[in-house]
């Protein structure tokens, strides 16, 4: 009998954080589940944690493509669960709310929730408010780990050509076919401890607007050009709404 949930966990040289992540899955789930760990490291640092929690462990060949998108796609190819959950190796569950969400999914394709930001022992709640597709077309509301998707509802895998925001692109390409149910829970902590280093944060912020423009071009939406312009302004990039009225590529859908 197939498990109810498959957790797909990419990892790279963070065995202690991976152990914390897998331990939190075990503590938060009583329904049947499986864990698939995909390790990008040639040294195989993730093997011990995967073995401890009876996870399927896949160590990538040095000739395989690296990165979150290829690893998540590998996990999808091996997954047997009715629901799929993607979680990064440095994030962890703080409640059993994800299980409650899945058990009360009814007939929807995706369940999602709020989340905590974790920074060096501090938890800050982030309430995404009412879930709306239009909000997702402006900014990704949902970090991986805060949602579960029926495996049968996934029509498009992750784009392995994207250097970042592949999870946002994955959701946008798929979720227009989905019914989504949002729960006002806070099941997961997203670890941002490393991003609070000043130099690292500055480097990320300086290039973030470019990545947003890439997603906006992939999903042209003239009716949201003002909201998108305002979002880019919060990143320090002045872009008029008219500049965001992208012409669609051949056969590209306008949202």
Protein backbone atom coordinates (compact mmCIF):
# COMPACT_ATOMS: atom_id res chain seq x y z
CA UNK A 1 0.00 0.00 0.00
CA UNK A 2 1.37 3.41 -0.98
CA UNK A 3 2.06 6.00 1.75
CA UNK A 4 -0.24 8.96 2.27
CA UNK A 5 2.60 11.50 1.97
CA UNK A 6 6.00 11.69 0.27
CA UNK A 7 8.49 14.22 1.63
CA UNK A 8 11.13 15.25 -0.94
CA UNK A 9 14.24 16.68 0.74
CA UNK A 10 17.22 17.96 -1.31
CA UNK A 11 20.38 18.34 0.77
CA UNK A 12 23.96 19.52 0.42
CA UNK A 13 26.62 19.31 3.15
CA UNK A 14 24.31 20.19 6.06
CA UNK A 15 23.95 16.90 7.94
CA UNK A 16 23.03 18.49 11.29
CA UNK A 17 20.28 20.59 9.72
CA UNK A 18 19.08 17.61 7.68
CA UNK A 19 18.84 15.57 10.90
CA UNK A 20 16.74 18.34 12.49
CA UNK A 21 14.48 18.45 9.42
CA UNK A 22 13.90 14.69 9.29
CA UNK A 23 13.40 14.51 13.05
CA UNK A 24 10.69 17.17 12.81
CA UNK A 25 8.89 15.16 10.12
CA UNK A 26 8.89 12.09 12.35
CA UNK A 27 7.57 14.05 15.34
CA UNK A 28 4.82 15.80 13.34
CA UNK A 29 3.42 12.88 11.32
CA UNK A 30 1.46 9.85 12.50
CA UNK A 31 -0.10 8.94 9.16
CA UNK A 32 1.94 6.76 6.80
CA UNK A 33 4.65 8.64 4.94
CA UNK A 34 7.93 8.18 3.11
CA UNK A 35 10.97 10.45 2.89
CA UNK A 36 13.21 10.77 -0.16
CA UNK A 37 16.56 12.50 0.45
CA UNK A 38 18.51 13.59 -2.63
CA UNK A 39 22.12 14.44 -1.80
CA UNK A 40 24.19 16.72 -4.08
CA UNK A 41 27.39 16.08 -2.14
CA UNK A 42 29.88 13.50 -3.39
CA UNK A 43 30.96 12.83 0.18
CA UNK A 44 27.46 11.66 1.08
CA UNK A 45 27.09 13.60 4.33
CA UNK A 46 23.32 13.10 4.28
CA UNK A 47 23.47 9.29 4.34
CA UNK A 48 23.59 8.90 8.12
CA UNK A 49 20.55 11.10 8.80
CA UNK A 50 18.62 9.43 6.00
CA UNK A 51 19.41 6.00 7.42
CA UNK A 52 18.42 7.05 10.94
CA UNK A 53 14.94 7.98 9.73
CA UNK A 54 14.54 5.12 7.21
CA UNK A 55 14.50 7.52 4.28
CA UNK A 56 15.19 6.56 0.69
CA UNK A 57 18.65 8.00 0.06
CA UNK A 58 19.83 9.04 -3.41
CA UNK A 59 23.39 10.30 -3.82
CA UNK A 60 23.87 12.16 -7.07
CA UNK A 61 26.58 11.23 -9.51
CA UNK A 62 29.18 13.92 -10.14
CA UNK A 63 27.90 13.96 -13.72
CA UNK A 64 24.30 14.73 -12.69
CA UNK A 65 22.93 18.25 -12.71
CA UNK A 66 23.12 20.00 -9.36
CA UNK A 67 20.50 22.18 -7.73
CA UNK A 68 17.07 22.17 -6.15
CA UNK A 69 15.05 21.80 -9.36
CA UNK A 70 16.82 18.63 -10.63
CA UNK A 71 16.77 17.12 -7.14
CA UNK A 72 13.07 17.74 -6.64
CA UNK A 73 12.34 16.26 -10.06
CA UNK A 74 14.27 13.13 -9.11
CA UNK A 75 12.20 12.92 -5.94
CA UNK A 76 8.98 13.24 -7.95
CA UNK A 77 10.03 10.37 -10.19
CA UNK A 78 10.47 8.08 -7.16
CA UNK A 79 7.50 9.35 -5.08
CA UNK A 80 4.65 6.99 -4.24
CA UNK A 81 2.61 9.14 -1.85
CA UNK A 82 -0.86 10.45 -2.52
CA UNK A 83 0.40 13.88 -1.45
CA UNK A 84 3.80 15.44 -2.18
CA UNK A 85 5.57 17.79 0.23
CA UNK A 86 8.80 19.57 -0.69
CA UNK A 87 10.95 20.74 2.20
CA UNK A 88 14.47 22.20 2.30
CA UNK A 89 17.01 20.51 4.56
CA UNK A 90 17.39 23.56 6.84
CA UNK A 91 13.65 23.98 7.52
CA UNK A 92 11.64 22.08 10.12
CA UNK A 93 8.11 21.46 11.40
CA UNK A 94 7.09 22.88 14.75
CA UNK A 95 3.54 21.44 14.99
CA UNK A 96 1.55 18.50 13.61
CA UNK A 97 -0.70 20.87 11.64
CA UNK A 98 0.50 19.60 8.26
CA UNK A 99 -0.96 16.20 9.06
CA UNK A 100 -4.26 17.83 10.06
CA UNK A 101 -4.30 19.75 6.78
CA UNK A 102 -3.77 16.61 4.71
CA UNK A 103 -6.39 14.66 6.63
CA UNK A 104 -8.88 17.47 5.93
CA UNK A 105 -7.96 18.07 2.30
CA UNK A 106 -11.38 16.82 1.13
CA UNK A 107 -11.27 16.83 -2.68
CA UNK A 108 -8.89 19.77 -3.22
CA UNK A 109 -5.61 19.42 -5.08
CA UNK A 110 -3.48 21.47 -2.70
CA UNK A 111 -3.50 22.49 0.95
CA UNK A 112 -1.36 25.34 2.24
CA UNK A 113 -0.74 27.29 5.43
CA UNK A 114 1.09 30.16 7.06
CA UNK A 115 4.62 29.74 8.41
CA UNK A 116 7.28 30.97 10.82
CA UNK A 117 10.57 32.65 9.95
CA UNK A 118 13.31 31.17 12.14
CA UNK A 119 16.33 33.30 12.99
CA UNK A 120 18.75 31.99 15.60
CA UNK A 121 16.17 30.68 18.10
CA UNK A 122 13.57 33.33 17.27
CA UNK A 123 10.28 32.44 15.54
CA UNK A 124 8.35 35.18 13.71
CA UNK A 125 4.90 34.26 12.34
CA UNK A 126 4.09 35.14 8.74
CA UNK A 127 0.39 35.19 7.92
CA UNK A 128 -0.17 35.05 4.17
CA UNK A 129 -3.76 36.23 4.56
CA UNK A 130 -6.40 34.94 2.20
CA UNK A 131 -4.86 32.81 -0.52
CA UNK A 132 -5.35 34.31 -3.98
CA UNK A 133 -3.88 33.51 -7.39
CA UNK A 134 -3.41 37.22 -8.08
CA UNK A 135 -1.19 37.54 -5.03
CA UNK A 136 0.90 34.62 -6.27
CA UNK A 137 1.33 36.36 -9.64
CA UNK A 138 2.94 39.32 -7.82
CA UNK A 139 4.94 37.53 -5.12
CA UNK A 140 5.37 33.92 -4.00
CA UNK A 141 3.38 33.55 -0.78
CA UNK A 142 4.29 29.93 -0.14
CA UNK A 143 7.71 28.61 0.82
CA UNK A 144 8.29 24.91 0.25
CA UNK A 145 7.21 22.91 3.28
CA UNK A 146 4.10 25.04 3.84
CA UNK A 147 1.98 23.18 1.29
CA UNK A 148 1.09 19.65 0.15
CA UNK A 149 -0.03 18.70 -3.36
CA UNK A 150 -1.80 15.65 -4.68
CA UNK A 151 0.69 13.79 -6.81
CA UNK A 152 -1.97 13.19 -9.45
CA UNK A 153 -2.50 16.96 -9.81
CA UNK A 154 1.10 17.74 -10.79
CA UNK A 155 1.21 18.28 -14.56
CA UNK A 156 4.53 20.15 -14.82
CA UNK A 157 7.82 19.40 -13.08
CA UNK A 158 10.43 21.96 -11.97
CA UNK A 159 12.23 23.95 -14.66
CA UNK A 160 15.86 22.87 -14.35
CA UNK A 161 17.08 25.88 -16.33
CA UNK A 162 16.05 28.33 -13.59
CA UNK A 163 18.78 29.47 -11.19
CA UNK A 164 16.26 30.57 -8.56
CA UNK A 165 12.51 30.87 -7.86
CA UNK A 166 11.96 27.50 -9.51
CA UNK A 167 9.44 26.70 -6.76
CA UNK A 168 7.42 29.85 -7.58
CA UNK A 169 7.48 28.98 -11.28
CA UNK A 170 6.45 25.37 -10.48
CA UNK A 171 3.44 26.55 -8.48
CA UNK A 172 2.31 29.11 -11.04
CA UNK A 173 2.50 26.65 -13.93
CA UNK A 174 0.50 24.05 -12.03
CA UNK A 175 -1.92 25.79 -9.71
CA UNK A 176 -4.20 27.35 -12.32
CA UNK A 177 -5.57 23.82 -12.68
CA UNK A 178 -5.94 23.28 -8.93
CA UNK A 179 -8.45 23.85 -6.18
CA UNK A 180 -6.57 25.16 -3.15
CA UNK A 181 -7.54 25.11 0.52
CA UNK A 182 -5.74 27.48 2.91
CA UNK A 183 -5.50 26.71 6.62
CA UNK A 184 -4.74 29.36 9.21
CA UNK A 185 -2.04 27.17 10.76
CA UNK A 186 1.69 27.69 11.24
CA UNK A 187 3.16 24.21 10.72
CA UNK A 188 6.71 25.01 9.59
CA UNK A 189 9.71 27.17 10.43
CA UNK A 190 11.68 28.51 7.47
CA UNK A 191 15.28 28.95 8.56
CA UNK A 192 16.63 32.32 7.45
CA UNK A 193 19.48 32.49 9.98
CA UNK A 194 22.20 32.67 7.32
CA UNK A 195 20.38 35.38 5.41
CA UNK A 196 20.55 37.73 8.37
CA UNK A 197 24.29 38.09 7.77
CA UNK A 198 24.55 41.65 6.41
CA UNK A 199 26.86 40.99 3.46
CA UNK A 200 24.94 37.89 2.36
CA UNK A 201 21.59 39.68 2.61
CA UNK A 202 22.86 42.61 0.54
CA UNK A 203 24.06 40.33 -2.25
CA UNK A 204 20.72 38.51 -2.36
CA UNK A 205 18.66 41.71 -2.29
CA UNK A 206 20.67 43.41 -5.05
CA UNK A 207 19.84 40.71 -7.59
CA UNK A 208 16.35 39.77 -6.38
CA UNK A 209 14.46 42.21 -8.61
CA UNK A 210 16.07 40.63 -11.70
CA UNK A 211 14.71 37.25 -10.67
CA UNK A 212 11.25 38.72 -10.15
CA UNK A 213 11.32 40.26 -13.63
CA UNK A 214 12.14 36.84 -15.05
CA UNK A 215 9.04 35.32 -13.42
CA UNK A 216 6.87 38.26 -14.48
CA UNK A 217 7.99 37.76 -18.10
CA UNK A 218 7.17 34.05 -17.89
CA UNK A 219 3.67 34.86 -16.65
CA UNK A 220 2.56 38.07 -18.40
CA UNK A 221 -0.32 39.71 -16.58
CA UNK A 222 -1.03 43.29 -17.74
CA UNK A 223 -3.90 43.72 -15.26
CA UNK A 224 -1.41 43.36 -12.38
CA UNK A 225 1.30 45.61 -13.80
CA UNK A 226 0.73 48.29 -11.13
CA UNK A 227 1.00 45.80 -8.26
CA UNK A 228 4.12 44.30 -9.82
CA UNK A 229 5.65 47.75 -10.22
CA UNK A 230 5.00 48.50 -6.54
CA UNK A 231 6.58 45.18 -5.54
CA UNK A 232 9.75 45.94 -7.49
CA UNK A 233 9.87 49.39 -5.89
CA UNK A 234 10.13 47.76 -2.45
CA UNK A 235 13.36 46.17 -3.73
CA UNK A 236 14.77 49.51 -4.81
CA UNK A 237 14.05 49.07 -8.52
CA UNK A 238 11.98 51.71 -10.27
CA UNK A 239 9.97 50.15 -13.07
CA UNK A 240 6.87 51.84 -14.45
CA UNK A 241 3.70 49.76 -14.85
CA UNK A 242 3.89 50.30 -18.61
CA UNK A 243 7.29 48.60 -18.68
CA UNK A 244 5.68 45.50 -17.14
CA UNK A 245 2.99 45.13 -19.79
CA UNK A 246 4.95 42.25 -21.32
CA UNK A 247 4.01 40.99 -24.74
CA UNK A 248 3.50 37.22 -24.51
CA UNK A 249 5.80 34.83 -26.32
CA UNK A 250 4.34 32.67 -29.10
CA UNK A 251 1.49 30.60 -27.67
CA UNK A 252 2.23 31.96 -24.17
CA UNK A 253 -0.81 32.35 -21.97
CA UNK A 254 -1.66 35.80 -20.59
CA UNK A 255 -2.91 35.58 -17.01
